[in-house]
C-alpha atoms as a PDB file:
ATOM      1  CA  MET A   1     -27.314  27.981  12.169  1.00  0.00           C
ATOM      2  CA  LEU A   2     -27.846  28.499   8.397  1.00  0.00           C
ATOM      3  CA  LYS A   3     -25.553  25.572   7.580  1.00  0.00           C
ATOM      4  CA  ILE A   4     -27.354  23.246   9.991  1.00  0.00           C
ATOM      5  CA  SER A   5     -30.768  24.174   8.547  1.00  0.00           C
ATOM      6  CA  ARG A   6     -29.435  23.302   5.141  1.00  0.00           C
ATOM      7  CA  ILE A   7     -28.002  19.959   6.193  1.00  0.00           C
ATOM      8  CA  LEU A   8     -30.989  18.669   8.161  1.00  0.00           C
ATOM      9  CA  PRO A   9     -33.567  18.496   5.414  1.00  0.00           C
ATOM     10  CA  LYS A  10     -31.042  16.770   3.141  1.00  0.00           C
ATOM     11  CA  ASN A  11     -30.069  14.118   5.662  1.00  0.00           C
ATOM     12  CA  THR A  12     -33.512  13.605   7.217  1.00  0.00           C
ATOM     13  CA  PRO A  13     -34.520  10.776   4.842  1.00  0.00           C
ATOM     14  CA  ILE A  14     -31.279   8.880   5.617  1.00  0.00           C
ATOM     15  CA  PHE A  15     -31.932   9.297   9.344  1.00  0.00           C
ATOM     16  CA  LEU A  16     -35.444   7.985   8.959  1.00  0.00           C
ATOM     17  CA  PHE A  17     -34.183   5.060   6.910  1.00  0.00           C
ATOM     18  CA  PHE A  18     -31.764   3.952   9.626  1.00  0.00           C
ATOM     19  CA  LEU A  19     -34.387   4.503  12.257  1.00  0.00           C
ATOM     20  CA  LEU A  20     -36.705   2.219  10.353  1.00  0.00           C
ATOM     21  CA  ILE A  21     -34.033  -0.440  10.045  1.00  0.00           C
ATOM     22  CA  PHE A  22     -33.236  -0.160  13.726  1.00  0.00           C
ATOM     23  CA  SER A  23     -36.905  -0.447  14.686  1.00  0.00           C
ATOM     24  CA  PHE A  24     -37.285  -3.487  12.425  1.00  0.00           C
ATOM     25  CA  LYS A  25     -34.307  -5.191  14.110  1.00  0.00           C
ATOM     26  CA  LEU A  26     -35.783  -4.535  17.483  1.00  0.00           C
ATOM     27  CA  PHE A  27     -39.165  -5.926  16.347  1.00  0.00           C
ATOM     28  CA  ALA A  28     -37.392  -9.000  14.935  1.00  0.00           C
ATOM     29  CA  GLN A  29     -35.579  -9.590  18.206  1.00  0.00           C
ATOM     30  CA  GLU A  30     -38.728  -9.229  20.293  1.00  0.00           C
ATOM     31  CA  THR A  31     -40.781 -11.590  18.085  1.00  0.00           C
ATOM     32  CA  LYS A  32     -38.100 -14.237  17.685  1.00  0.00           C
ATOM     33  CA  PRO A  33     -39.002 -17.532  19.473  1.00  0.00           C
ATOM     34  CA  SER A  34     -37.272 -18.101  22.776  1.00  0.00           C
ATOM     35  CA  LYS A  35     -34.117 -20.153  22.605  1.00  0.00           C
ATOM     36  CA  VAL A  36     -34.537 -23.839  23.311  1.00  0.00           C
ATOM     37  CA  GLU A  37     -32.670 -24.988  26.378  1.00  0.00           C
ATOM     38  CA  VAL A  38     -31.848 -28.588  27.275  1.00  0.00           C
ATOM     39  CA  ALA A  39     -30.254 -28.143  30.637  1.00  0.00           C
ATOM     40  CA  GLU A  40     -28.952 -31.725  30.795  1.00  0.00           C
ATOM     41  CA  LEU A  41     -26.862 -31.239  27.689  1.00  0.00           C
ATOM     42  CA  LYS A  42     -25.316 -27.983  28.933  1.00  0.00           C
ATOM     43  CA  ALA A  43     -24.623 -29.485  32.379  1.00  0.00           C
ATOM     44  CA  PHE A  44     -22.542 -32.247  30.852  1.00  0.00           C
ATOM     45  CA  LYS A  45     -20.449 -29.852  28.683  1.00  0.00           C
ATOM     46  CA  PRO A  46     -17.577 -29.397  31.245  1.00  0.00           C
ATOM     47  CA  ILE A  47     -17.279 -33.193  31.537  1.00  0.00           C
ATOM     48  CA  ALA A  48     -17.230 -33.614  27.748  1.00  0.00           C
ATOM     49  CA  TYR A  49     -14.602 -30.881  27.618  1.00  0.00           C
ATOM     50  CA  LYS A  50     -12.470 -32.708  30.188  1.00  0.00           C
ATOM     51  CA  ILE A  51     -12.787 -36.018  28.285  1.00  0.00           C
ATOM     52  CA  ARG A  52     -11.647 -34.445  25.012  1.00  0.00           C
ATOM     53  CA  ASN A  53      -9.065 -31.964  26.137  1.00  0.00           C
ATOM     54  CA  GLU A  54      -7.563 -33.586  29.196  1.00  0.00           C
ATOM     55  CA  VAL A  55      -8.203 -37.351  29.250  1.00  0.00           C
ATOM     56  CA  LEU A  56      -7.795 -38.152  25.532  1.00  0.00           C
ATOM     57  CA  GLU A  57      -4.966 -35.647  25.036  1.00  0.00           C
ATOM     58  CA  ASN A  58      -2.984 -37.214  27.916  1.00  0.00           C
ATOM     59  CA  TYR A  59      -4.234 -40.819  27.547  1.00  0.00           C
ATOM     60  CA  ASP A  60      -5.297 -40.606  31.150  1.00  0.00           C
ATOM     61  CA  VAL A  61      -7.205 -43.865  31.820  1.00  0.00           C
ATOM     62  CA  ALA A  62      -7.130 -43.408  35.568  1.00  0.00           C
ATOM     63  CA  MET A  63      -8.963 -40.104  35.278  1.00  0.00           C
ATOM     64  CA  LEU A  64     -11.687 -41.851  33.154  1.00  0.00           C
ATOM     65  CA  VAL A  65     -12.102 -44.450  35.822  1.00  0.00           C
ATOM     66  CA  ASP A  66     -12.492 -41.688  38.456  1.00  0.00           C
ATOM     67  CA  LEU A  67     -15.025 -39.887  36.232  1.00  0.00           C
ATOM     68  CA  LEU A  68     -17.188 -42.924  35.639  1.00  0.00           C
ATOM     69  CA  PRO A  69     -19.881 -42.019  38.258  1.00  0.00           C
ATOM     70  CA  VAL A  70     -20.111 -38.444  36.919  1.00  0.00           C
ATOM     71  CA  ILE A  71     -20.180 -39.604  33.293  1.00  0.00           C
ATOM     72  CA  ASP A  72     -22.779 -42.254  34.055  1.00  0.00           C
ATOM     73  CA  SER A  73     -25.054 -39.789  35.918  1.00  0.00           C
ATOM     74  CA  GLY A  74     -24.683 -36.985  33.327  1.00  0.00           C
ATOM     75  CA  VAL A  75     -25.264 -39.177  30.283  1.00  0.00           C
ATOM     76  CA  THR A  76     -28.245 -40.864  31.910  1.00  0.00           C
ATOM     77  CA  LYS A  77     -29.824 -37.484  32.601  1.00  0.00           C
ATOM     78  CA  ILE A  78     -29.383 -36.564  28.906  1.00  0.00           C
ATOM     79  CA  ILE A  79     -30.952 -39.803  27.848  1.00  0.00           C
ATOM     80  CA  ASN A  80     -33.936 -39.192  30.113  1.00  0.00           C
ATOM     81  CA  ALA A  81     -34.210 -35.487  29.290  1.00  0.00           C
ATOM     82  CA  GLN A  82     -37.720 -34.188  28.534  1.00  0.00           C
ATOM     83  CA  LEU A  83     -37.441 -31.941  25.531  1.00  0.00           C
ATOM     84  CA  PRO A  84     -39.714 -28.911  25.132  1.00  0.00           C
ATOM     85  CA  ASP A  85     -42.946 -29.827  23.342  1.00  0.00           C
ATOM     86  CA  THR A  86     -42.340 -26.999  20.790  1.00  0.00           C
ATOM     87  CA  LEU A  87     -38.877 -28.187  19.804  1.00  0.00           C
ATOM     88  CA  PHE A  88     -39.828 -30.521  16.957  1.00  0.00           C
ATOM     89  CA  ILE A  89     -43.446 -29.348  16.448  1.00  0.00           C
ATOM     90  CA  SER A  90     -43.121 -28.205  12.776  1.00  0.00           C
ATOM     91  CA  GLY A  91     -43.081 -30.601   9.880  1.00  0.00           C
ATOM     92  CA  GLU A  92     -39.620 -29.472   8.754  1.00  0.00           C
ATOM     93  CA  MET A  93     -38.239 -30.374  12.160  1.00  0.00           C
ATOM     94  CA  GLN A  94     -39.430 -33.971  12.154  1.00  0.00           C
ATOM     95  CA  ASN A  95     -36.145 -35.053  10.588  1.00  0.00           C
ATOM     96  CA  GLU A  96     -34.352 -33.364  13.533  1.00  0.00           C
ATOM     97  CA  LYS A  97     -36.586 -35.380  15.917  1.00  0.00           C
ATOM     98  CA  ILE A  98     -35.430 -38.598  14.184  1.00  0.00           C
ATOM     99  CA  LYS A  99     -31.762 -37.425  14.584  1.00  0.00           C
ATOM    100  CA  TRP A 100     -32.341 -36.730  18.265  1.00  0.00           C
ATOM    101  CA  ASP A 101     -33.943 -40.121  18.947  1.00  0.00           C
ATOM    102  CA  ASN A 102     -31.131 -41.962  17.083  1.00  0.00           C
ATOM    103  CA  GLY A 103     -28.541 -39.868  18.849  1.00  0.00           C
ATOM    104  CA  VAL A 104     -29.960 -40.691  22.255  1.00  0.00           C
ATOM    105  CA  LYS A 105     -29.946 -44.453  21.382  1.00  0.00           C
ATOM    106  CA  ASN A 106     -26.347 -44.203  20.197  1.00  0.00           C
ATOM    107  CA  LEU A 107     -25.370 -42.384  23.396  1.00  0.00           C
ATOM    108  CA  GLN A 108     -27.073 -45.080  25.517  1.00  0.00           C
ATOM    109  CA  ASP A 109     -25.300 -47.837  23.593  1.00  0.00           C
ATOM    110  CA  VAL A 110     -21.843 -46.219  23.971  1.00  0.00           C
ATOM    111  CA  LEU A 111     -22.423 -45.563  27.720  1.00  0.00           C
ATOM    112  CA  ASN A 112     -23.143 -49.216  28.259  1.00  0.00           C
ATOM    113  CA  LYS A 113     -20.082 -50.127  26.240  1.00  0.00           C
ATOM    114  CA  PHE A 114     -18.004 -47.652  28.205  1.00  0.00           C
ATOM    115  CA  LYS A 115     -18.976 -49.137  31.537  1.00  0.00           C
ATOM    116  CA  THR A 116     -18.197 -52.643  30.246  1.00  0.00           C
ATOM    117  CA  THR A 117     -14.724 -51.554  29.085  1.00  0.00           C
ATOM    118  CA  ILE A 118     -14.052 -50.020  32.525  1.00  0.00           C
ATOM    119  CA  GLU A 119     -14.847 -53.374  34.073  1.00  0.00           C
ATOM    120  CA  LYS A 120     -12.548 -55.189  31.636  1.00  0.00           C
ATOM    121  CA  LYS A 121      -9.695 -52.747  32.534  1.00  0.00           C
ATOM    122  CA  ASP A 122      -8.497 -52.524  28.975  1.00  0.00           C
ATOM    123  CA  GLY A 123      -6.772 -49.118  28.812  1.00  0.00           C
ATOM    124  CA  GLU A 124      -6.758 -48.728  25.059  1.00  0.00           C
ATOM    125  CA  GLU A 125     -10.405 -49.811  24.648  1.00  0.00           C
ATOM    126  CA  ILE A 126     -11.456 -47.500  27.514  1.00  0.00           C
ATOM    127  CA  LEU A 127      -9.841 -44.557  25.689  1.00  0.00           C
ATOM    128  CA  GLU A 128     -11.430 -45.542  22.405  1.00  0.00           C
ATOM    129  CA  THR A 129     -14.915 -45.828  23.948  1.00  0.00           C
ATOM    130  CA  ALA A 130     -14.474 -42.580  25.813  1.00  0.00           C
ATOM    131  CA  GLU A 131     -13.759 -40.801  22.501  1.00  0.00           C
ATOM    132  CA  GLU A 132     -16.810 -42.474  20.962  1.00  0.00           C
ATOM    133  CA  LEU A 133     -18.860 -41.254  23.917  1.00  0.00           C
ATOM    134  CA  TRP A 134     -17.540 -37.677  23.424  1.00  0.00           C
ATOM    135  CA  ILE A 135     -18.507 -37.810  19.726  1.00  0.00           C
ATOM    136  CA  ARG A 136     -22.041 -39.106  20.444  1.00  0.00           C
ATOM    137  CA  TYR A 137     -22.560 -36.351  22.990  1.00  0.00           C
ATOM    138  CA  GLU A 138     -21.269 -33.635  20.658  1.00  0.00           C
ATOM    139  CA  VAL A 139     -23.592 -34.761  17.877  1.00  0.00           C
ATOM    140  CA  LEU A 140     -26.558 -34.208  20.212  1.00  0.00           C
ATOM    141  CA  PHE A 141     -25.199 -30.960  21.551  1.00  0.00           C
ATOM    142  CA  TRP A 142     -24.711 -29.465  18.072  1.00  0.00           C
ATOM    143  CA  LEU A 143     -28.268 -30.595  17.078  1.00  0.00           C
ATOM    144  CA  ILE A 144     -29.774 -28.489  19.851  1.00  0.00           C
ATOM    145  CA  TYR A 145     -27.153 -25.672  19.994  1.00  0.00           C
ATOM    146  CA  PRO A 146     -26.003 -25.069  16.416  1.00  0.00           C
ATOM    147  CA  THR A 147     -24.334 -21.780  17.285  1.00  0.00           C
ATOM    148  CA  PRO A 148     -21.471 -22.067  19.812  1.00  0.00           C
ATOM    149  CA  GLU A 149     -21.819 -19.983  22.902  1.00  0.00           C
ATOM    150  CA  GLU A 150     -18.171 -19.039  22.563  1.00  0.00           C
ATOM    151  CA  LEU A 151     -18.968 -17.348  19.210  1.00  0.00           C
ATOM    152  CA  GLU A 152     -21.771 -15.259  20.859  1.00  0.00           C
ATOM    153  CA  LEU A 153     -19.428 -14.241  23.662  1.00  0.00           C
ATOM    154  CA  PHE A 154     -16.715 -13.246  21.117  1.00  0.00           C
ATOM    155  CA  TYR A 155     -19.273 -11.008  19.374  1.00  0.00           C
ATOM    156  CA  GLN A 156     -20.315  -9.454  22.684  1.00  0.00           C
ATOM    157  CA  ALA A 157     -16.684  -8.470  23.305  1.00  0.00           C
ATOM    158  CA  PHE A 158     -16.111  -7.211  19.779  1.00  0.00           C
ATOM    159  CA  HIS A 159     -19.396  -5.264  19.481  1.00  0.00           C
ATOM    160  CA  PRO A 160     -18.428  -2.102  21.332  1.00  0.00           C
ATOM    161  CA  ILE A 161     -15.252  -1.786  19.262  1.00  0.00           C
ATOM    162  CA  TYR A 162     -17.119  -1.895  15.978  1.00  0.00           C
ATOM    163  CA  TYR A 163     -20.218   0.124  16.923  1.00  0.00           C
ATOM    164  CA  GLU A 164     -18.910   2.548  19.572  1.00  0.00           C
ATOM    165  CA  HIS A 165     -15.175   3.034  19.626  1.00  0.00           C
ATOM    166  CA  MET A 166     -14.367   2.739  15.909  1.00  0.00           C
ATOM    167  CA  PRO A 167     -16.768   5.411  14.658  1.00  0.00           C
ATOM    168  CA  GLU A 168     -15.253   7.845  17.154  1.00  0.00           C
ATOM    169  CA  TYR A 169     -11.795   6.404  16.685  1.00  0.00           C
ATOM    170  CA  ASN A 170     -11.272   6.205  20.406  1.00  0.00           C
ATOM    171  CA  ILE A 171      -7.999   4.378  20.221  1.00  0.00           C
ATOM    172  CA  ASN A 172      -7.498   4.107  24.014  1.00  0.00           C
ATOM    173  CA  GLU A 173     -10.860   2.338  24.432  1.00  0.00           C
ATOM    174  CA  ILE A 174     -10.118   0.142  21.435  1.00  0.00           C
ATOM    175  CA  LYS A 175      -6.781  -0.927  22.970  1.00  0.00           C
ATOM    176  CA  LEU A 176      -8.554  -1.861  26.183  1.00  0.00           C
ATOM    177  CA  ALA A 177     -11.403  -3.729  24.435  1.00  0.00           C
ATOM    178  CA  VAL A 178      -9.218  -5.906  22.298  1.00  0.00           C
ATOM    179  CA  ILE A 179      -7.815  -7.561  25.422  1.00  0.00           C
ATOM    180  CA  GLU A 180     -11.220  -9.155  25.995  1.00  0.00           C
ATOM    181  CA  VAL A 181     -11.649  -9.904  22.310  1.00  0.00           C
ATOM    182  CA  GLN A 182      -8.389 -11.880  22.329  1.00  0.00           C
ATOM    183  CA  ALA A 183      -9.518 -13.805  25.454  1.00  0.00           C
ATOM    184  CA  LYS A 184     -12.832 -14.756  23.736  1.00  0.00           C
ATOM    185  CA  MET A 185     -10.914 -15.716  20.554  1.00  0.00           C
ATOM    186  CA  ASP A 186      -8.749 -18.019  22.672  1.00  0.00           C
ATOM    187  CA  GLU A 187     -11.889 -19.733  24.019  1.00  0.00           C
ATOM    188  CA  LEU A 188     -13.334 -20.021  20.492  1.00  0.00           C
ATOM    189  CA  ASN A 189     -10.153 -21.652  19.297  1.00  0.00           C
ATOM    190  CA  LYS A 190     -10.563 -24.439  21.856  1.00  0.00           C
ATOM    191  CA  ILE A 191     -13.692 -25.761  20.230  1.00  0.00           C
ATOM    192  CA  LYS A 192     -13.335 -29.200  18.663  1.00  0.00           C
ATOM    193  CA  ILE A 193     -16.010 -30.633  16.472  1.00  0.00           C
ATOM    194  CA  PRO A 194     -16.255 -34.343  15.585  1.00  0.00           C
ATOM    195  CA  GLN A 195     -16.566 -35.365  11.943  1.00  0.00           C
ATOM    196  CA  GLN A 196     -19.964 -36.935  12.719  1.00  0.00           C
ATOM    197  CA  VAL A 197     -21.498 -33.465  13.131  1.00  0.00           C
ATOM    198  CA  GLY A 198     -21.249 -33.171   9.272  1.00  0.00           C
ATOM    199  CA  ARG A 199     -20.105 -30.551   6.800  1.00  0.00           C
ATOM    200  CA  ILE A 200     -20.210 -27.819   9.422  1.00  0.00           C
ATOM    201  CA  GLN A 201     -16.922 -29.148  10.936  1.00  0.00           C
ATOM    202  CA  LYS A 202     -14.704 -28.241   7.933  1.00  0.00           C
ATOM    203  CA  LEU A 203     -16.520 -24.934   7.373  1.00  0.00           C
ATOM    204  CA  PHE A 204     -16.196 -23.994  11.006  1.00  0.00           C
ATOM    205  CA  TYR A 205     -12.480 -24.812  11.169  1.00  0.00           C
ATOM    206  CA  ARG A 206     -11.779 -22.877   7.938  1.00  0.00           C
ATOM    207  CA  GLU A 207     -13.746 -19.721   8.881  1.00  0.00           C
ATOM    208  CA  ARG A 208     -12.510 -19.763  12.457  1.00  0.00           C
ATOM    209  CA  ALA A 209      -8.906 -19.785  11.199  1.00  0.00           C
ATOM    210  CA  GLU A 210      -9.674 -16.746   9.050  1.00  0.00           C
ATOM    211  CA  LEU A 211     -11.261 -14.943  11.977  1.00  0.00           C
ATOM    212  CA  ASN A 212      -8.310 -15.836  14.236  1.00  0.00           C
ATOM    213  CA  ARG A 213      -5.878 -14.482  11.648  1.00  0.00           C
ATOM    214  CA  SER A 214      -7.810 -11.236  11.318  1.00  0.00           C
ATOM    215  CA  VAL A 215      -7.960 -10.805  15.069  1.00  0.00           C
ATOM    216  CA  LYS A 216      -4.249 -11.204  15.430  1.00  0.00           C
ATOM    217  CA  TYR A 217      -3.647  -8.643  12.645  1.00  0.00           C
ATOM    218  CA  MET A 218      -6.129  -6.195  14.153  1.00  0.00           C
ATOM    219  CA  ILE A 219      -4.452  -6.390  17.609  1.00  0.00           C
ATOM    220  CA  LYS A 220      -1.023  -5.954  15.955  1.00  0.00           C
ATOM    221  CA  VAL A 221      -1.934  -2.790  14.071  1.00  0.00           C
ATOM    222  CA  ILE A 222      -3.856  -1.331  16.989  1.00  0.00           C
ATOM    223  CA  ASN A 223      -0.788  -1.649  19.276  1.00  0.00           C
ATOM    224  CA  LEU A 224       1.940  -0.950  16.691  1.00  0.00           C
ATOM    225  CA  ILE A 225       0.534   1.329  13.999  1.00  0.00           C
ATOM    226  CA  ASP A 226      -1.000   4.626  14.953  1.00  0.00           C
ATOM    227  CA  ASP A 227      -2.854   5.051  11.711  1.00  0.00           C
ATOM    228  CA  GLU A 228      -6.629   5.521  11.765  1.00  0.00           C
ATOM    229  CA  LYS A 229      -7.388   4.063   8.339  1.00  0.00           C
ATOM    230  CA  THR A 230      -5.163   1.012   8.920  1.00  0.00           C
ATOM    231  CA  VAL A 231      -6.807   0.284  12.285  1.00  0.00           C
ATOM    232  CA  ILE A 232     -10.342   0.850  11.047  1.00  0.00           C
ATOM    233  CA  ASP A 233      -9.743  -1.446   8.013  1.00  0.00           C
ATOM    234  CA  ALA A 234      -8.428  -4.137  10.357  1.00  0.00           C
ATOM    235  CA  ILE A 235     -11.449  -3.822  12.577  1.00  0.00           C
ATOM    236  CA  LYS A 236     -13.788  -4.044   9.621  1.00  0.00           C
ATOM    237  CA  GLU A 237     -12.021  -7.165   8.408  1.00  0.00           C
ATOM    238  CA  VAL A 238     -12.596  -8.867  11.784  1.00  0.00           C
ATOM    239  CA  TYR A 239     -16.273  -8.012  11.498  1.00  0.00           C
ATOM    240  CA  GLU A 240     -16.433  -9.496   7.982  1.00  0.00           C
ATOM    241  CA  LYS A 241     -14.668 -12.684   9.119  1.00  0.00           C
ATOM    242  CA  TYR A 242     -16.973 -12.961  12.120  1.00  0.00           C
ATOM    243  CA  GLN A 243     -20.023 -12.702   9.782  1.00  0.00           C
ATOM    244  CA  ALA A 244     -18.612 -15.433   7.565  1.00  0.00           C
ATOM    245  CA  LEU A 245     -18.189 -17.710  10.566  1.00  0.00           C
ATOM    246  CA  GLU A 246     -21.552 -16.874  12.025  1.00  0.00           C
ATOM    247  CA  LYS A 247     -23.242 -17.453   8.647  1.00  0.00           C
ATOM    248  CA  ILE A 248     -22.466 -21.142   8.523  1.00  0.00           C
ATOM    249  CA  PHE A 249     -24.776 -21.760  11.455  1.00  0.00           C
ATOM    250  CA  ASN A 250     -27.713 -19.995   9.785  1.00  0.00           C
ATOM    251  CA  GLN A 251     -27.712 -21.665   6.355  1.00  0.00           C
END
């Protein structure tokens, strides 16, 4: 009891400091504006994914022809989407409003072009126009959703490892948790960003590769090396690489 009474007064300021930081984070989360949602953009995401990762990868013109009604309907809904009044309300966001309006016009133009190429039955031109349509969609999507959902899901899977299992060095829980981390990393690796999105494309690919490398190393040492320091260092590196990737969306 004597030792505890000596320790408490010494560490109390540190405890209060972290309590203050934690309270501040909670306050910041509670007062942060609600996330903007454009349902029409999200609804079209699976179709855009199919165009980029199935149709264009396999030069599947027939699938594009079959998808025409769905593409036409989905893109038209995006073009006619009513954005929240608060989205571009501040002066600094007016430039984003111009980007949105131009992006919608470009998407409308390429949709019309796409339907014309389908009628002409020119396979090569159909594929080229489909790629252009995917690009125009992605430009709009990244304007509204600058942080990929896959990155947020990766962090949700990694969070308990870093904040719960690592401090206690619960290696069994860590081994179980990294399975989900790897699955989320696989989804993150599937993201493709067109050049038209801008400088974020190269930064994203570079930092994602670093994160992927660190995840692979972490999983390797967790499963093969039963050494607490090595495992903890590997986990910390993943966290640092995640922060570097997440940072490019908040500059």
